[in-house]
Amino acid sequence: MALPKRRHSQTRGRKRRTHYKVNNPAVSICTNCNASVLPHRVCTVCGFYRGKKIIDVSSV
């Protein structure tokens, strides 16, 4: 295995790691109840998806 001949500086290592960050999840708005919902998921508040009732939330 290859090993570095000289030590890399802290700045050089940190410059390489600048893109290692967590992105915020995308959030959509439910068209039925205006709750925050992950895109392409059934709304957990009202049970609607794309204007149609998919699940009955009152029994859950």
PDB file of N, CA and C in Angstrom:
ATOM      1  N   MET A   1       0.824  -1.184   0.000  1.00  0.00           N
ATOM      2  CA  MET A   1       0.000   0.000   0.000  1.00  0.00           C
ATOM      3  C   MET A   1       0.867   1.245   0.000  1.00  0.00           C
ATOM      4  N   ALA A   2       0.408   2.254  -0.697  1.00  0.00           N
ATOM      5  CA  ALA A   2       1.167   3.498  -0.772  1.00  0.00           C
ATOM      6  C   ALA A   2       0.991   4.306   0.505  1.00  0.00           C
ATOM      7  N   LEU A   3       2.086   4.868   0.967  1.00  0.00           N
ATOM      8  CA  LEU A   3       2.056   5.725   2.143  1.00  0.00           C
ATOM      9  C   LEU A   3       2.607   7.090   1.755  1.00  0.00           C
ATOM     10  N   PRO A   4       2.087   8.152   2.374  1.00  0.00           N
ATOM     11  CA  PRO A   4       2.626   9.467   2.052  1.00  0.00           C
ATOM     12  C   PRO A   4       4.048   9.621   2.597  1.00  0.00           C
ATOM     13  N   LYS A   5       4.902  10.217   1.775  1.00  0.00           N
ATOM     14  CA  LYS A   5       6.285  10.418   2.189  1.00  0.00           C
ATOM     15  C   LYS A   5       6.381  11.540   3.220  1.00  0.00           C
ATOM     16  N   ARG A   6       5.537  12.555   3.061  1.00  0.00           N
ATOM     17  CA  ARG A   6       5.535  13.680   3.979  1.00  0.00           C
ATOM     18  C   ARG A   6       4.124  13.877   4.531  1.00  0.00           C
ATOM     19  N   ARG A   7       4.054  14.499   5.685  1.00  0.00           N
ATOM     20  CA  ARG A   7       2.765  14.748   6.327  1.00  0.00           C
ATOM     21  C   ARG A   7       2.040  15.863   5.589  1.00  0.00           C
ATOM     22  N   HIS A   8       0.717  15.671   5.347  1.00  0.00           N
ATOM     23  CA  HIS A   8      -0.089  16.730   4.754  1.00  0.00           C
ATOM     24  C   HIS A   8      -0.485  17.717   5.844  1.00  0.00           C
ATOM     25  N   SER A   9      -0.537  18.981   5.487  1.00  0.00           N
ATOM     26  CA  SER A   9      -0.904  20.003   6.460  1.00  0.00           C
ATOM     27  C   SER A   9      -2.387  19.889   6.808  1.00  0.00           C
ATOM     28  N   GLN A  10      -2.768  20.504   7.932  1.00  0.00           N
ATOM     29  CA  GLN A  10      -4.175  20.503   8.343  1.00  0.00           C
ATOM     30  C   GLN A  10      -5.039  21.209   7.308  1.00  0.00           C
ATOM     31  N   THR A  11      -4.524  22.287   6.745  1.00  0.00           N
ATOM     32  CA  THR A  11      -5.291  23.043   5.749  1.00  0.00           C
ATOM     33  C   THR A  11      -5.572  22.203   4.523  1.00  0.00           C
ATOM     34  N   ARG A  12      -4.586  21.438   4.086  1.00  0.00           N
ATOM     35  CA  ARG A  12      -4.766  20.614   2.894  1.00  0.00           C
ATOM     36  C   ARG A  12      -5.832  19.532   3.120  1.00  0.00           C
ATOM     37  N   GLY A  13      -5.810  18.926   4.306  1.00  0.00           N
ATOM     38  CA  GLY A  13      -6.821  17.920   4.616  1.00  0.00           C
ATOM     39  C   GLY A  13      -8.208  18.523   4.752  1.00  0.00           C
ATOM     40  N   ARG A  14      -8.281  19.695   5.340  1.00  0.00           N
ATOM     41  CA  ARG A  14      -9.575  20.364   5.523  1.00  0.00           C
ATOM     42  C   ARG A  14     -10.144  20.849   4.205  1.00  0.00           C
ATOM     43  N   LYS A  15      -9.281  21.284   3.275  1.00  0.00           N
ATOM     44  CA  LYS A  15      -9.751  21.689   1.944  1.00  0.00           C
ATOM     45  C   LYS A  15     -10.375  20.506   1.216  1.00  0.00           C
ATOM     46  N   ARG A  16      -9.818  19.328   1.415  1.00  0.00           N
ATOM     47  CA  ARG A  16     -10.346  18.128   0.775  1.00  0.00           C
ATOM     48  C   ARG A  16     -11.720  17.758   1.359  1.00  0.00           C
ATOM     49  N   ARG A  17     -11.913  18.038   2.632  1.00  0.00           N
ATOM     50  CA  ARG A  17     -13.150  17.631   3.304  1.00  0.00           C
ATOM     51  C   ARG A  17     -14.254  18.682   3.268  1.00  0.00           C
ATOM     52  N   THR A  18     -14.090  19.759   2.525  1.00  0.00           N
ATOM     53  CA  THR A  18     -15.096  20.824   2.543  1.00  0.00           C
ATOM     54  C   THR A  18     -16.429  20.371   1.974  1.00  0.00           C
ATOM     55  N   HIS A  19     -16.452  19.344   1.153  1.00  0.00           N
ATOM     56  CA  HIS A  19     -17.685  18.896   0.527  1.00  0.00           C
ATOM     57  C   HIS A  19     -18.375  17.790   1.325  1.00  0.00           C
ATOM     58  N   TYR A  20     -17.812  17.375   2.452  1.00  0.00           N
ATOM     59  CA  TYR A  20     -18.415  16.344   3.284  1.00  0.00           C
ATOM     60  C   TYR A  20     -19.397  16.996   4.245  1.00  0.00           C
ATOM     61  N   LYS A  21     -20.565  17.362   3.769  1.00  0.00           N
ATOM     62  CA  LYS A  21     -21.524  18.006   4.649  1.00  0.00           C
ATOM     63  C   LYS A  21     -22.912  17.427   4.403  1.00  0.00           C
ATOM     64  N   VAL A  22     -23.742  17.534   5.385  1.00  0.00           N
ATOM     65  CA  VAL A  22     -25.093  16.990   5.323  1.00  0.00           C
ATOM     66  C   VAL A  22     -26.009  18.027   4.698  1.00  0.00           C
ATOM     67  N   ASN A  23     -26.823  17.582   3.742  1.00  0.00           N
ATOM     68  CA  ASN A  23     -27.789  18.481   3.116  1.00  0.00           C
ATOM     69  C   ASN A  23     -29.118  18.409   3.854  1.00  0.00           C
ATOM     70  N   ASN A  24     -29.841  19.514   3.879  1.00  0.00           N
ATOM     71  CA  ASN A  24     -31.170  19.510   4.471  1.00  0.00           C
ATOM     72  C   ASN A  24     -32.112  18.702   3.583  1.00  0.00           C
ATOM     73  N   PRO A  25     -33.010  17.908   4.167  1.00  0.00           N
ATOM     74  CA  PRO A  25     -33.939  17.147   3.337  1.00  0.00           C
ATOM     75  C   PRO A  25     -34.931  18.070   2.641  1.00  0.00           C
ATOM     76  N   ALA A  26     -35.309  17.697   1.427  1.00  0.00           N
ATOM     77  CA  ALA A  26     -36.299  18.468   0.681  1.00  0.00           C
ATOM     78  C   ALA A  26     -37.658  18.286   1.351  1.00  0.00           C
ATOM     79  N   VAL A  27     -38.409  19.363   1.469  1.00  0.00           N
ATOM     80  CA  VAL A  27     -39.714  19.313   2.122  1.00  0.00           C
ATOM     81  C   VAL A  27     -40.749  19.916   1.182  1.00  0.00           C
ATOM     82  N   SER A  28     -41.869  19.202   1.009  1.00  0.00           N
ATOM     83  CA  SER A  28     -42.980  19.702   0.211  1.00  0.00           C
ATOM     84  C   SER A  28     -44.118  20.086   1.144  1.00  0.00           C
ATOM     85  N   ILE A  29     -45.119  20.725   0.585  1.00  0.00           N
ATOM     86  CA  ILE A  29     -46.309  21.114   1.339  1.00  0.00           C
ATOM     87  C   ILE A  29     -47.469  20.254   0.858  1.00  0.00           C
ATOM     88  N   CYS A  30     -48.208  19.677   1.791  1.00  0.00           N
ATOM     89  CA  CYS A  30     -49.388  18.879   1.458  1.00  0.00           C
ATOM     90  C   CYS A  30     -50.454  19.804   0.869  1.00  0.00           C
ATOM     91  N   THR A  31     -51.016  19.400  -0.271  1.00  0.00           N
ATOM     92  CA  THR A  31     -52.024  20.240  -0.922  1.00  0.00           C
ATOM     93  C   THR A  31     -53.363  20.189  -0.188  1.00  0.00           C
ATOM     94  N   ASN A  32     -53.558  19.186   0.655  1.00  0.00           N
ATOM     95  CA  ASN A  32     -54.828  19.040   1.351  1.00  0.00           C
ATOM     96  C   ASN A  32     -54.839  19.791   2.692  1.00  0.00           C
ATOM     97  N   CYS A  33     -53.773  19.613   3.495  1.00  0.00           N
ATOM     98  CA  CYS A  33     -53.786  20.195   4.843  1.00  0.00           C
ATOM     99  C   CYS A  33     -52.647  21.177   5.090  1.00  0.00           C
ATOM    100  N   ASN A  34     -51.795  21.438   4.100  1.00  0.00           N
ATOM    101  CA  ASN A  34     -50.668  22.368   4.188  1.00  0.00           C
ATOM    102  C   ASN A  34     -49.627  21.979   5.237  1.00  0.00           C
ATOM    103  N   ALA A  35     -49.498  20.690   5.528  1.00  0.00           N
ATOM    104  CA  ALA A  35     -48.468  20.217   6.451  1.00  0.00           C
ATOM    105  C   ALA A  35     -47.169  19.971   5.672  1.00  0.00           C
ATOM    106  N   SER A  36     -46.044  19.980   6.370  1.00  0.00           N
ATOM    107  CA  SER A  36     -44.761  19.681   5.742  1.00  0.00           C
ATOM    108  C   SER A  36     -44.640  18.169   5.546  1.00  0.00           C
ATOM    109  N   VAL A  37     -44.304  17.762   4.314  1.00  0.00           N
ATOM    110  CA  VAL A  37     -44.243  16.343   3.967  1.00  0.00           C
ATOM    111  C   VAL A  37     -43.004  16.115   3.106  1.00  0.00           C
ATOM    112  N   LEU A  38     -42.359  14.967   3.255  1.00  0.00           N
ATOM    113  CA  LEU A  38     -41.288  14.600   2.343  1.00  0.00           C
ATOM    114  C   LEU A  38     -41.888  14.370   0.960  1.00  0.00           C
ATOM    115  N   PRO A  39     -41.177  14.748  -0.112  1.00  0.00           N
ATOM    116  CA  PRO A  39     -41.744  14.595  -1.448  1.00  0.00           C
ATOM    117  C   PRO A  39     -41.992  13.128  -1.804  1.00  0.00           C
ATOM    118  N   HIS A  40     -43.055  12.882  -2.560  1.00  0.00           N
ATOM    119  CA  HIS A  40     -43.446  11.550  -3.035  1.00  0.00           C
ATOM    120  C   HIS A  40     -43.782  10.613  -1.877  1.00  0.00           C
ATOM    121  N   ARG A  41     -44.340  11.151  -0.801  1.00  0.00           N
ATOM    122  CA  ARG A  41     -44.772  10.340   0.344  1.00  0.00           C
ATOM    123  C   ARG A  41     -46.207  10.716   0.692  1.00  0.00           C
ATOM    124  N   VAL A  42     -46.920   9.784   1.292  1.00  0.00           N
ATOM    125  CA  VAL A  42     -48.270  10.061   1.772  1.00  0.00           C
ATOM    126  C   VAL A  42     -48.167  10.968   2.988  1.00  0.00           C
ATOM    127  N   CYS A  43     -49.054  11.943   3.078  1.00  0.00           N
ATOM    128  CA  CYS A  43     -49.068  12.853   4.219  1.00  0.00           C
ATOM    129  C   CYS A  43     -49.449  12.073   5.468  1.00  0.00           C
ATOM    130  N   THR A  44     -48.638  12.197   6.509  1.00  0.00           N
ATOM    131  CA  THR A  44     -48.917  11.465   7.746  1.00  0.00           C
ATOM    132  C   THR A  44     -49.983  12.149   8.590  1.00  0.00           C
ATOM    133  N   VAL A  45     -50.320  13.396   8.253  1.00  0.00           N
ATOM    134  CA  VAL A  45     -51.326  14.138   9.022  1.00  0.00           C
ATOM    135  C   VAL A  45     -52.726  13.814   8.527  1.00  0.00           C
ATOM    136  N   CYS A  46     -52.929  13.861   7.189  1.00  0.00           N
ATOM    137  CA  CYS A  46     -54.280  13.666   6.656  1.00  0.00           C
ATOM    138  C   CYS A  46     -54.434  12.393   5.823  1.00  0.00           C
ATOM    139  N   GLY A  47     -53.334  11.777   5.376  1.00  0.00           N
ATOM    140  CA  GLY A  47     -53.418  10.532   4.611  1.00  0.00           C
ATOM    141  C   GLY A  47     -53.643  10.723   3.125  1.00  0.00           C
ATOM    142  N   PHE A  48     -53.476  11.925   2.607  1.00  0.00           N
ATOM    143  CA  PHE A  48     -53.690  12.197   1.187  1.00  0.00           C
ATOM    144  C   PHE A  48     -52.368  12.165   0.433  1.00  0.00           C
ATOM    145  N   TYR A  49     -52.428  11.770  -0.851  1.00  0.00           N
ATOM    146  CA  TYR A  49     -51.291  11.838  -1.753  1.00  0.00           C
ATOM    147  C   TYR A  49     -51.804  12.215  -3.134  1.00  0.00           C
ATOM    148  N   ARG A  50     -51.328  13.315  -3.674  1.00  0.00           N
ATOM    149  CA  ARG A  50     -51.719  13.840  -4.979  1.00  0.00           C
ATOM    150  C   ARG A  50     -53.229  14.018  -5.093  1.00  0.00           C
ATOM    151  N   GLY A  51     -53.842  14.514  -4.022  1.00  0.00           N
ATOM    152  CA  GLY A  51     -55.258  14.830  -4.034  1.00  0.00           C
ATOM    153  C   GLY A  51     -56.183  13.659  -3.795  1.00  0.00           C
ATOM    154  N   LYS A  52     -55.646  12.471  -3.517  1.00  0.00           N
ATOM    155  CA  LYS A  52     -56.484  11.291  -3.272  1.00  0.00           C
ATOM    156  C   LYS A  52     -56.201  10.758  -1.878  1.00  0.00           C
ATOM    157  N   LYS A  53     -57.258  10.287  -1.212  1.00  0.00           N
ATOM    158  CA  LYS A  53     -57.097   9.713   0.115  1.00  0.00           C
ATOM    159  C   LYS A  53     -56.526   8.309  -0.036  1.00  0.00           C
ATOM    160  N   ILE A  54     -55.374   8.076   0.576  1.00  0.00           N
ATOM    161  CA  ILE A  54     -54.694   6.800   0.443  1.00  0.00           C
ATOM    162  C   ILE A  54     -54.858   5.944   1.695  1.00  0.00           C
ATOM    163  N   ILE A  55     -54.683   6.558   2.861  1.00  0.00           N
ATOM    164  CA  ILE A  55     -54.814   5.804   4.119  1.00  0.00           C
ATOM    165  C   ILE A  55     -55.747   6.560   5.060  1.00  0.00           C
ATOM    166  N   ASP A  56     -56.358   5.810   5.946  1.00  0.00           N
ATOM    167  CA  ASP A  56     -57.215   6.403   6.961  1.00  0.00           C
ATOM    168  C   ASP A  56     -56.364   6.656   8.199  1.00  0.00           C
ATOM    169  N   VAL A  57     -56.053   7.916   8.448  1.00  0.00           N
ATOM    170  CA  VAL A  57     -55.142   8.271   9.544  1.00  0.00           C
ATOM    171  C   VAL A  57     -55.829   8.200  10.896  1.00  0.00           C
ATOM    172  N   SER A  58     -57.125   8.345  10.940  1.00  0.00           N
ATOM    173  CA  SER A  58     -57.828   8.354  12.227  1.00  0.00           C
ATOM    174  C   SER A  58     -57.743   7.006  12.920  1.00  0.00           C
ATOM    175  N   SER A  59     -57.598   5.901  12.170  1.00  0.00           N
ATOM    176  CA  SER A  59     -57.515   4.583  12.792  1.00  0.00           C
ATOM    177  C   SER A  59     -56.095   4.225  13.216  1.00  0.00           C
ATOM    178  N   VAL A  60     -55.114   4.975  12.759  1.00  0.00           N
ATOM    179  CA  VAL A  60     -53.712   4.654  13.063  1.00  0.00           C
ATOM    180  C   VAL A  60     -53.266   5.250  14.335  1.00  0.00           C
TER     181      VAL A  60
END
